[in-house]
Structures are given as structure tokens and as C-alpha cells.
Amino acid sequence: MNPDAGAAVGRTIEANGLHGKVRFHLSDGFSQVPDDLRWDLMVGNPPHVNAVAAASDYQRSHSPLIWKDTDWAIHRSFYAKAAQRLRPGGSVVIQENHRFSAPEDFTEMAEESGLEVVGAFECGAGYEDYYFLWSRLPAHDDQCKHTS
């Protein structure tokens, strides 16, 4: 865990006027999050390089907390538990990096947990290295049926 994460989230809450509207849990994966919590949306920016040692200028200039995810272990752990933490129809949006991964690297992880991959989307001008991967938990059939 990045020890600065809690302060960064606090600044984001303050800057966006979200006091009393959101809460966060500083946790290694879901380990410190109450088991009964379920969400409609999870957004993340996990480490995005499948490597043991720094091999690029990017890696050498950034903390391994930002980039290092050997054998995609952090991603595997997250996706293995994410579907259990979503409400039916809930979504997961993860920011990734084209220089070090492709959406296909994570598709099987998401699908094995019960999520369906909706697609990958570019971040836009100035952020060409990055993309978002969107997956979601299918809604229950009974929620989708029209009753008269």
C-alpha cells in the first residue's frame, strides 16, 4: 500500500466537495474493507507493469508502488474478489497503460470472477499511453424483466 494514499484521497474529497457523500478504506485489496459493503462502481489505477525489476526509464523514475505488479498478482487478487463486492449491474473501471499491457491481459481474470468485459476506452489527448478497461457484473434477470 502506498502510505500517501489516505492523504491523497482526503485532498480529492476536499477539492470536490464530497464530505459526507463518500467514504474510503485504506486497504491492501479488500482485506480491511467490511465484508458487507457492496458498490455500484469501483474505480482504480493499480500498478501497471508486469515485471520484477525496473527495465525502462519510466520504471526507474517512479516508485515500484506505482508500477510493479509481478505476474499481475495485484490484478488477479482484485478481479478474483471484485464481483463479490459489486451490486448486480455494478461496474469496474480500471486505468491501465498501453506501454505495458493490453486489455486482453485482464479479460480472462475479469470473466473468471463473473464479470463481463464491456470494452476498453482511450483516455484522450495528452494521455495516449493510457486506457480504461470497463467490466461489469450482469444484473439479475429478474431486475431486467418488465412487469405490467
N, C-alpha and C. Protein backbone atom coordinates (compact mmCIF):
# COMPACT_ATOMS: atom_id res chain seq x y z
N MET A 1 0.83 -1.18 0.00
CA MET A 1 0.00 0.00 0.00
C MET A 1 0.88 1.24 0.00
N ASN A 2 0.42 2.23 -0.69
CA ASN A 2 1.12 3.49 -0.70
C ASN A 2 0.73 4.28 0.56
N PRO A 3 1.68 4.62 1.41
CA PRO A 3 1.35 5.30 2.66
C PRO A 3 0.75 6.69 2.44
N ASP A 4 0.92 7.26 1.26
CA ASP A 4 0.37 8.59 0.96
C ASP A 4 -1.05 8.53 0.42
N ALA A 5 -1.60 7.34 0.22
CA ALA A 5 -2.91 7.20 -0.41
C ALA A 5 -4.02 7.85 0.40
N GLY A 6 -4.03 7.67 1.68
CA GLY A 6 -5.10 8.25 2.51
C GLY A 6 -5.14 9.76 2.41
N ALA A 7 -3.97 10.40 2.47
CA ALA A 7 -3.92 11.86 2.35
C ALA A 7 -4.36 12.31 0.97
N ALA A 8 -3.99 11.58 -0.07
CA ALA A 8 -4.39 11.93 -1.43
C ALA A 8 -5.90 11.83 -1.60
N VAL A 9 -6.51 10.79 -1.05
CA VAL A 9 -7.97 10.66 -1.13
C VAL A 9 -8.63 11.79 -0.35
N GLY A 10 -8.10 12.12 0.80
CA GLY A 10 -8.65 13.22 1.59
C GLY A 10 -8.63 14.53 0.81
N ARG A 11 -7.54 14.79 0.08
CA ARG A 11 -7.46 16.01 -0.73
C ARG A 11 -8.47 15.97 -1.88
N THR A 12 -8.67 14.81 -2.47
CA THR A 12 -9.65 14.67 -3.55
C THR A 12 -11.06 14.92 -3.04
N ILE A 13 -11.38 14.38 -1.88
CA ILE A 13 -12.70 14.60 -1.27
C ILE A 13 -12.91 16.09 -1.01
N GLU A 14 -11.90 16.73 -0.44
CA GLU A 14 -11.98 18.17 -0.13
C GLU A 14 -12.14 18.98 -1.41
N ALA A 15 -11.31 18.73 -2.40
CA ALA A 15 -11.32 19.52 -3.64
C ALA A 15 -12.64 19.40 -4.41
N ASN A 16 -13.34 18.28 -4.22
CA ASN A 16 -14.57 18.05 -4.97
C ASN A 16 -15.83 18.19 -4.11
N GLY A 17 -15.68 18.69 -2.89
CA GLY A 17 -16.83 18.92 -2.03
C GLY A 17 -17.62 17.65 -1.74
N LEU A 18 -16.92 16.57 -1.46
CA LEU A 18 -17.57 15.28 -1.28
C LEU A 18 -17.68 14.83 0.18
N HIS A 19 -17.39 15.72 1.12
CA HIS A 19 -17.52 15.34 2.54
C HIS A 19 -18.94 14.85 2.82
N GLY A 20 -19.05 13.72 3.49
CA GLY A 20 -20.34 13.15 3.84
C GLY A 20 -21.01 12.39 2.71
N LYS A 21 -20.41 12.40 1.51
CA LYS A 21 -21.01 11.72 0.36
C LYS A 21 -20.24 10.46 -0.05
N VAL A 22 -18.99 10.39 0.37
CA VAL A 22 -18.16 9.24 0.04
C VAL A 22 -17.40 8.81 1.29
N ARG A 23 -16.94 7.60 1.26
CA ARG A 23 -16.02 7.13 2.30
C ARG A 23 -15.01 6.23 1.62
N PHE A 24 -13.86 6.13 2.23
CA PHE A 24 -12.82 5.28 1.65
C PHE A 24 -12.22 4.41 2.75
N HIS A 25 -11.61 3.34 2.30
CA HIS A 25 -10.95 2.40 3.20
C HIS A 25 -9.53 2.21 2.69
N LEU A 26 -8.56 2.56 3.48
CA LEU A 26 -7.17 2.30 3.14
C LEU A 26 -6.94 0.82 3.40
N SER A 27 -6.74 0.07 2.33
CA SER A 27 -6.73 -1.38 2.47
C SER A 27 -5.81 -2.01 1.43
N ASP A 28 -5.23 -3.13 1.79
CA ASP A 28 -4.47 -3.94 0.85
C ASP A 28 -5.48 -4.83 0.15
N GLY A 29 -5.90 -4.43 -1.04
CA GLY A 29 -7.01 -5.12 -1.70
C GLY A 29 -8.27 -4.87 -0.90
N PHE A 30 -9.01 -5.93 -0.61
CA PHE A 30 -10.25 -5.80 0.15
C PHE A 30 -10.08 -6.22 1.61
N SER A 31 -8.86 -6.50 2.05
CA SER A 31 -8.65 -7.10 3.36
C SER A 31 -9.11 -6.24 4.53
N GLN A 32 -9.08 -4.92 4.43
CA GLN A 32 -9.52 -4.06 5.52
C GLN A 32 -10.88 -3.40 5.22
N VAL A 33 -11.61 -3.94 4.26
CA VAL A 33 -12.92 -3.40 3.90
C VAL A 33 -13.99 -4.31 4.51
N PRO A 34 -14.98 -3.74 5.19
CA PRO A 34 -16.04 -4.59 5.76
C PRO A 34 -16.67 -5.51 4.71
N ASP A 35 -16.88 -6.76 5.09
CA ASP A 35 -17.38 -7.79 4.16
C ASP A 35 -18.75 -7.48 3.58
N ASP A 36 -19.56 -6.70 4.28
CA ASP A 36 -20.92 -6.47 3.82
C ASP A 36 -21.06 -5.30 2.85
N LEU A 37 -20.00 -4.59 2.56
CA LEU A 37 -20.09 -3.46 1.64
C LEU A 37 -20.19 -3.93 0.19
N ARG A 38 -21.11 -3.30 -0.56
CA ARG A 38 -21.29 -3.58 -1.99
C ARG A 38 -21.39 -2.24 -2.71
N TRP A 39 -20.84 -2.18 -3.92
CA TRP A 39 -20.80 -0.93 -4.66
C TRP A 39 -21.45 -1.05 -6.03
N ASP A 40 -21.85 0.12 -6.54
CA ASP A 40 -22.32 0.22 -7.92
C ASP A 40 -21.15 0.48 -8.87
N LEU A 41 -20.09 1.07 -8.34
CA LEU A 41 -18.94 1.43 -9.18
C LEU A 41 -17.66 1.32 -8.38
N MET A 42 -16.67 0.68 -8.96
CA MET A 42 -15.31 0.66 -8.43
C MET A 42 -14.41 1.27 -9.50
N VAL A 43 -13.55 2.19 -9.08
CA VAL A 43 -12.61 2.84 -9.99
C VAL A 43 -11.22 2.63 -9.42
N GLY A 44 -10.27 2.26 -10.28
CA GLY A 44 -8.93 2.02 -9.78
C GLY A 44 -7.85 2.36 -10.78
N ASN A 45 -6.67 2.53 -10.25
CA ASN A 45 -5.47 2.79 -11.03
C ASN A 45 -4.36 1.95 -10.42
N PRO A 46 -4.41 0.63 -10.63
CA PRO A 46 -3.43 -0.25 -9.99
C PRO A 46 -2.05 -0.14 -10.66
N PRO A 47 -1.03 -0.68 -10.01
CA PRO A 47 0.27 -0.76 -10.67
C PRO A 47 0.10 -1.44 -12.03
N HIS A 48 0.81 -0.96 -13.04
CA HIS A 48 0.50 -1.43 -14.38
C HIS A 48 1.67 -1.99 -15.17
N VAL A 49 2.67 -2.56 -14.48
CA VAL A 49 3.78 -3.20 -15.19
C VAL A 49 3.98 -4.59 -14.61
N ASN A 50 3.91 -5.60 -15.47
CA ASN A 50 4.15 -6.98 -15.08
C ASN A 50 5.66 -7.23 -15.16
N ALA A 51 6.36 -6.90 -14.09
CA ALA A 51 7.81 -7.03 -14.09
C ALA A 51 8.32 -7.21 -12.67
N VAL A 52 9.50 -7.80 -12.57
CA VAL A 52 10.15 -7.98 -11.28
C VAL A 52 11.09 -6.82 -10.99
N ALA A 53 11.82 -6.38 -12.03
CA ALA A 53 12.81 -5.32 -11.85
C ALA A 53 12.57 -4.21 -12.87
N ALA A 54 13.02 -3.02 -12.54
CA ALA A 54 12.88 -1.87 -13.44
C ALA A 54 13.67 -2.10 -14.72
N ALA A 55 12.98 -1.97 -15.84
CA ALA A 55 13.63 -2.20 -17.13
C ALA A 55 13.48 -1.02 -18.07
N SER A 56 12.77 0.01 -17.67
CA SER A 56 12.55 1.17 -18.54
C SER A 56 12.81 2.45 -17.77
N ASP A 57 12.96 3.54 -18.49
CA ASP A 57 13.14 4.83 -17.83
C ASP A 57 11.94 5.15 -16.95
N TYR A 58 10.76 4.82 -17.43
CA TYR A 58 9.54 5.04 -16.63
C TYR A 58 9.65 4.33 -15.28
N GLN A 59 10.03 3.07 -15.31
CA GLN A 59 10.12 2.30 -14.07
C GLN A 59 11.21 2.84 -13.16
N ARG A 60 12.35 3.20 -13.73
CA ARG A 60 13.45 3.70 -12.92
C ARG A 60 13.13 5.06 -12.29
N SER A 61 12.23 5.82 -12.91
CA SER A 61 11.92 7.16 -12.39
C SER A 61 10.68 7.20 -11.49
N HIS A 62 10.05 6.06 -11.27
CA HIS A 62 8.85 6.00 -10.42
C HIS A 62 9.02 4.91 -9.36
N SER A 63 8.36 5.10 -8.25
CA SER A 63 8.38 4.10 -7.18
C SER A 63 7.73 2.80 -7.67
N PRO A 64 8.27 1.66 -7.27
CA PRO A 64 7.62 0.38 -7.61
C PRO A 64 6.19 0.29 -7.10
N LEU A 65 5.82 1.06 -6.08
CA LEU A 65 4.43 1.08 -5.62
C LEU A 65 3.49 1.51 -6.74
N ILE A 66 3.99 2.31 -7.67
CA ILE A 66 3.18 2.82 -8.77
C ILE A 66 3.11 1.83 -9.92
N TRP A 67 4.22 1.14 -10.21
CA TRP A 67 4.25 0.34 -11.44
C TRP A 67 4.33 -1.17 -11.24
N LYS A 68 4.87 -1.68 -10.18
CA LYS A 68 5.23 -3.10 -10.09
C LYS A 68 4.07 -4.01 -9.71
N ASP A 69 3.70 -4.89 -10.65
CA ASP A 69 2.67 -5.91 -10.41
C ASP A 69 3.15 -7.22 -11.04
N THR A 70 4.10 -7.86 -10.39
CA THR A 70 4.72 -9.07 -10.90
C THR A 70 3.68 -10.17 -11.14
N ASP A 71 3.69 -10.73 -12.34
CA ASP A 71 2.75 -11.77 -12.77
C ASP A 71 1.29 -11.31 -12.61
N TRP A 72 1.07 -10.01 -12.64
CA TRP A 72 -0.27 -9.42 -12.48
C TRP A 72 -0.94 -9.90 -11.19
N ALA A 73 -0.15 -10.13 -10.13
CA ALA A 73 -0.69 -10.66 -8.88
C ALA A 73 -1.71 -9.71 -8.23
N ILE A 74 -1.48 -8.41 -8.29
CA ILE A 74 -2.42 -7.46 -7.70
C ILE A 74 -3.72 -7.48 -8.49
N HIS A 75 -3.61 -7.47 -9.81
CA HIS A 75 -4.80 -7.55 -10.67
C HIS A 75 -5.56 -8.85 -10.42
N ARG A 76 -4.85 -9.97 -10.35
CA ARG A 76 -5.51 -11.27 -10.14
C ARG A 76 -6.28 -11.28 -8.82
N SER A 77 -5.66 -10.78 -7.78
CA SER A 77 -6.31 -10.74 -6.47
C SER A 77 -7.54 -9.84 -6.51
N PHE A 78 -7.42 -8.67 -7.14
CA PHE A 78 -8.54 -7.75 -7.23
C PHE A 78 -9.70 -8.37 -8.00
N TYR A 79 -9.43 -8.85 -9.20
CA TYR A 79 -10.52 -9.39 -10.02
C TYR A 79 -11.14 -10.64 -9.40
N ALA A 80 -10.36 -11.43 -8.66
CA ALA A 80 -10.91 -12.63 -8.02
C ALA A 80 -12.00 -12.28 -7.01
N LYS A 81 -11.94 -11.08 -6.43
CA LYS A 81 -12.89 -10.69 -5.38
C LYS A 81 -13.85 -9.58 -5.79
N ALA A 82 -13.58 -8.91 -6.90
CA ALA A 82 -14.36 -7.73 -7.28
C ALA A 82 -15.84 -8.03 -7.47
N ALA A 83 -16.17 -9.10 -8.17
CA ALA A 83 -17.58 -9.40 -8.46
C ALA A 83 -18.37 -9.60 -7.17
N GLN A 84 -17.74 -10.16 -6.14
CA GLN A 84 -18.42 -10.38 -4.86
C GLN A 84 -18.70 -9.06 -4.14
N ARG A 85 -18.04 -7.98 -4.54
CA ARG A 85 -18.17 -6.69 -3.88
C ARG A 85 -19.07 -5.72 -4.63
N LEU A 86 -19.57 -6.14 -5.80
CA LEU A 86 -20.44 -5.28 -6.60
C LEU A 86 -21.90 -5.63 -6.39
N ARG A 87 -22.76 -4.63 -6.52
CA ARG A 87 -24.20 -4.87 -6.61
C ARG A 87 -24.48 -5.37 -8.03
N PRO A 88 -25.57 -6.09 -8.26
CA PRO A 88 -25.91 -6.52 -9.61
C PRO A 88 -25.95 -5.33 -10.57
N GLY A 89 -25.28 -5.48 -11.70
CA GLY A 89 -25.19 -4.40 -12.67
C GLY A 89 -24.06 -3.42 -12.40
N GLY A 90 -23.34 -3.61 -11.28
CA GLY A 90 -22.24 -2.72 -10.92
C GLY A 90 -21.06 -2.84 -11.85
N SER A 91 -20.27 -1.77 -11.93
CA SER A 91 -19.15 -1.68 -12.87
C SER A 91 -17.81 -1.51 -12.18
N VAL A 92 -16.78 -1.95 -12.90
CA VAL A 92 -15.39 -1.74 -12.51
C VAL A 92 -14.72 -1.00 -13.67
N VAL A 93 -14.07 0.11 -13.37
CA VAL A 93 -13.32 0.86 -14.38
C VAL A 93 -11.89 1.01 -13.87
N ILE A 94 -10.96 0.42 -14.61
CA ILE A 94 -9.56 0.41 -14.21
C ILE A 94 -8.73 1.13 -15.26
N GLN A 95 -7.85 2.03 -14.81
CA GLN A 95 -6.93 2.69 -15.74
C GLN A 95 -5.71 1.82 -15.92
N GLU A 96 -5.33 1.61 -17.16
CA GLU A 96 -4.15 0.80 -17.50
C GLU A 96 -3.24 1.59 -18.43
N ASN A 97 -2.11 0.99 -18.82
CA ASN A 97 -1.09 1.66 -19.62
C ASN A 97 -0.76 0.81 -20.83
N HIS A 98 -0.98 1.36 -22.03
CA HIS A 98 -0.69 0.64 -23.29
C HIS A 98 0.77 0.21 -23.41
N ARG A 99 1.68 0.93 -22.78
CA ARG A 99 3.10 0.57 -22.92
C ARG A 99 3.42 -0.75 -22.25
N PHE A 100 2.59 -1.16 -21.29
CA PHE A 100 2.93 -2.34 -20.51
C PHE A 100 1.86 -3.42 -20.50
N SER A 101 0.69 -3.15 -21.10
CA SER A 101 -0.38 -4.15 -21.09
C SER A 101 -1.33 -3.90 -22.25
N ALA A 102 -2.18 -4.88 -22.45
CA ALA A 102 -3.28 -4.78 -23.42
C ALA A 102 -4.55 -5.23 -22.69
N PRO A 103 -5.72 -4.78 -23.12
CA PRO A 103 -6.96 -5.20 -22.46
C PRO A 103 -7.07 -6.72 -22.34
N GLU A 104 -6.55 -7.43 -23.31
CA GLU A 104 -6.63 -8.90 -23.30
C GLU A 104 -5.87 -9.52 -22.12
N ASP A 105 -4.92 -8.79 -21.56
CA ASP A 105 -4.19 -9.30 -20.39
C ASP A 105 -5.10 -9.50 -19.19
N PHE A 106 -6.22 -8.76 -19.13
CA PHE A 106 -7.08 -8.77 -17.96
C PHE A 106 -8.46 -9.38 -18.21
N THR A 107 -8.79 -9.62 -19.47
CA THR A 107 -10.12 -10.12 -19.82
C THR A 107 -10.44 -11.44 -19.12
N GLU A 108 -9.55 -12.40 -19.17
CA GLU A 108 -9.80 -13.70 -18.55
C GLU A 108 -9.96 -13.56 -17.03
N MET A 109 -9.15 -12.72 -16.40
CA MET A 109 -9.26 -12.50 -14.95
C MET A 109 -10.66 -11.99 -14.60
N ALA A 110 -11.11 -11.00 -15.35
CA ALA A 110 -12.44 -10.42 -15.09
C ALA A 110 -13.53 -11.46 -15.32
N GLU A 111 -13.47 -12.16 -16.44
CA GLU A 111 -14.53 -13.11 -16.77
C GLU A 111 -14.57 -14.30 -15.81
N GLU A 112 -13.41 -14.74 -15.34
CA GLU A 112 -13.38 -15.85 -14.38
C GLU A 112 -14.07 -15.49 -13.07
N SER A 113 -14.11 -14.21 -12.74
CA SER A 113 -14.75 -13.79 -11.49
C SER A 113 -16.25 -13.57 -11.65
N GLY A 114 -16.75 -13.67 -12.89
CA GLY A 114 -18.17 -13.45 -13.13
C GLY A 114 -18.50 -12.10 -13.74
N LEU A 115 -17.47 -11.33 -14.05
CA LEU A 115 -17.68 -10.04 -14.69
C LEU A 115 -17.72 -10.21 -16.20
N GLU A 116 -18.41 -9.31 -16.87
CA GLU A 116 -18.36 -9.27 -18.33
C GLU A 116 -17.58 -8.02 -18.71
N VAL A 117 -16.67 -8.17 -19.67
CA VAL A 117 -15.88 -7.03 -20.12
C VAL A 117 -16.70 -6.26 -21.14
N VAL A 118 -16.94 -5.00 -20.85
CA VAL A 118 -17.72 -4.13 -21.73
C VAL A 118 -16.84 -3.58 -22.84
N GLY A 119 -15.63 -3.15 -22.49
CA GLY A 119 -14.72 -2.64 -23.50
C GLY A 119 -13.57 -1.87 -22.91
N ALA A 120 -12.69 -1.45 -23.81
CA ALA A 120 -11.55 -0.62 -23.44
C ALA A 120 -11.70 0.71 -24.15
N PHE A 121 -11.37 1.80 -23.45
CA PHE A 121 -11.59 3.13 -23.96
C PHE A 121 -10.35 3.98 -23.75
N GLU A 122 -10.00 4.74 -24.77
CA GLU A 122 -8.83 5.62 -24.70
C GLU A 122 -9.09 6.76 -23.71
N CYS A 123 -8.02 7.27 -23.11
CA CYS A 123 -8.14 8.36 -22.14
C CYS A 123 -8.22 9.73 -22.79
N GLY A 124 -7.77 9.88 -24.02
CA GLY A 124 -7.89 11.16 -24.69
C GLY A 124 -6.56 11.85 -24.93
N ALA A 125 -6.64 12.99 -25.59
CA ALA A 125 -5.46 13.76 -25.98
C ALA A 125 -4.58 14.07 -24.78
N GLY A 126 -3.30 13.83 -24.97
CA GLY A 126 -2.33 14.07 -23.90
C GLY A 126 -2.13 12.87 -22.99
N TYR A 127 -2.98 11.87 -23.12
CA TYR A 127 -2.90 10.67 -22.27
C TYR A 127 -2.94 9.41 -23.14
N GLU A 128 -2.28 9.45 -24.29
CA GLU A 128 -2.35 8.37 -25.26
C GLU A 128 -1.82 7.04 -24.74
N ASP A 129 -0.95 7.07 -23.73
CA ASP A 129 -0.40 5.82 -23.18
C ASP A 129 -1.44 5.05 -22.36
N TYR A 130 -2.51 5.71 -21.98
CA TYR A 130 -3.44 5.12 -21.01
C TYR A 130 -4.77 4.75 -21.64
N TYR A 131 -5.41 3.77 -21.03
CA TYR A 131 -6.76 3.37 -21.43
C TYR A 131 -7.52 2.94 -20.19
N PHE A 132 -8.83 2.93 -20.30
CA PHE A 132 -9.69 2.43 -19.24
C PHE A 132 -10.27 1.09 -19.68
N LEU A 133 -10.28 0.14 -18.78
CA LEU A 133 -10.92 -1.14 -19.02
C LEU A 133 -12.19 -1.19 -18.16
N TRP A 134 -13.32 -1.36 -18.82
CA TRP A 134 -14.62 -1.36 -18.15
C TRP A 134 -15.18 -2.77 -18.16
N SER A 135 -15.52 -3.26 -16.99
CA SER A 135 -16.20 -4.55 -16.85
C SER A 135 -17.36 -4.35 -15.88
N ARG A 136 -18.30 -5.27 -15.90
CA ARG A 136 -19.45 -5.12 -15.01
C ARG A 136 -20.01 -6.49 -14.63
N LEU A 137 -20.71 -6.48 -13.52
CA LEU A 137 -21.42 -7.66 -13.04
C LEU A 137 -22.80 -7.64 -13.68
N PRO A 138 -23.18 -8.68 -14.39
CA PRO A 138 -24.52 -8.67 -15.01
C PRO A 138 -25.60 -8.47 -13.96
N ALA A 139 -26.64 -7.75 -14.35
CA ALA A 139 -27.80 -7.56 -13.48
C ALA A 139 -28.55 -8.87 -13.38
N HIS A 140 -29.23 -9.08 -12.26
CA HIS A 140 -30.08 -10.27 -12.14
C HIS A 140 -31.16 -10.22 -13.19
N ASP A 141 -31.52 -11.37 -13.73
CA ASP A 141 -32.58 -11.44 -14.76
C ASP A 141 -33.88 -10.80 -14.29
N ASP A 142 -34.23 -11.01 -13.00
CA ASP A 142 -35.49 -10.50 -12.52
C ASP A 142 -35.52 -8.97 -12.45
N GLN A 143 -34.34 -8.33 -12.42
CA GLN A 143 -34.29 -6.86 -12.43
C GLN A 143 -34.55 -6.32 -13.82
N CYS A 144 -34.32 -7.12 -14.84
CA CYS A 144 -34.42 -6.65 -16.21
C CYS A 144 -35.78 -6.91 -16.82
N LYS A 145 -36.60 -7.71 -16.20
CA LYS A 145 -37.89 -8.05 -16.77
C LYS A 145 -38.90 -6.94 -16.51
N HIS A 146 -39.68 -6.66 -17.53
CA HIS A 146 -40.74 -5.64 -17.41
C HIS A 146 -41.98 -6.33 -16.88
N THR A 147 -42.58 -5.73 -15.88
CA THR A 147 -43.85 -6.28 -15.37
C THR A 147 -44.93 -5.24 -15.58
N SER A 148 -46.13 -5.73 -15.88
CA SER A 148 -47.22 -4.79 -16.12
C SER A 148 -48.18 -4.75 -14.97
